[in-house]
């Protein structure tokens, strides 16, 4: 099966094990998000606690804020994120903390399934901003006001 699910596992001596065709997630008490959909890369975001991900005879431990993403068939990378991109689907809010505009736009495009057009000379600007319950047009308008620059969607 494919899809996305958020898990909140109460600490227990018996581990909770989630088996996917990408690997095995072993949990003893934590909150994490797993995304396994057709058009997007497999990913795990650890909100709190700790988990282990086993794939191709390798075991990787994740810490809170770690975002594991498939970058090639059976190849994964872990990055630290301080935004809510992994759980925006649950509460409709997307928050960024000191995030590069270029990275933020990438996440907004993935979230809203549209292309954002902006002044790319601002790509390295870092912003702290929350998009709470906004549609794509409203998000572009908020970004435009924040940057004092033109932002539109295509």
Foldseek 3Di string as FASTA:
>chain_A
DFAKDKDFAQADPDWDWDDDPLWIKTHRGFIKMWGGDDPAWTKIAGQADKIWTDGPNDIDIDHHQWMWTDPDRSDIDIDGADWDLRPCVPQVKTWHDFAFPLVVQVSLCVVQVWHKDWDCVSRRGTDTDMDHNDHSQVVQVVVCVVVVTHMDTD
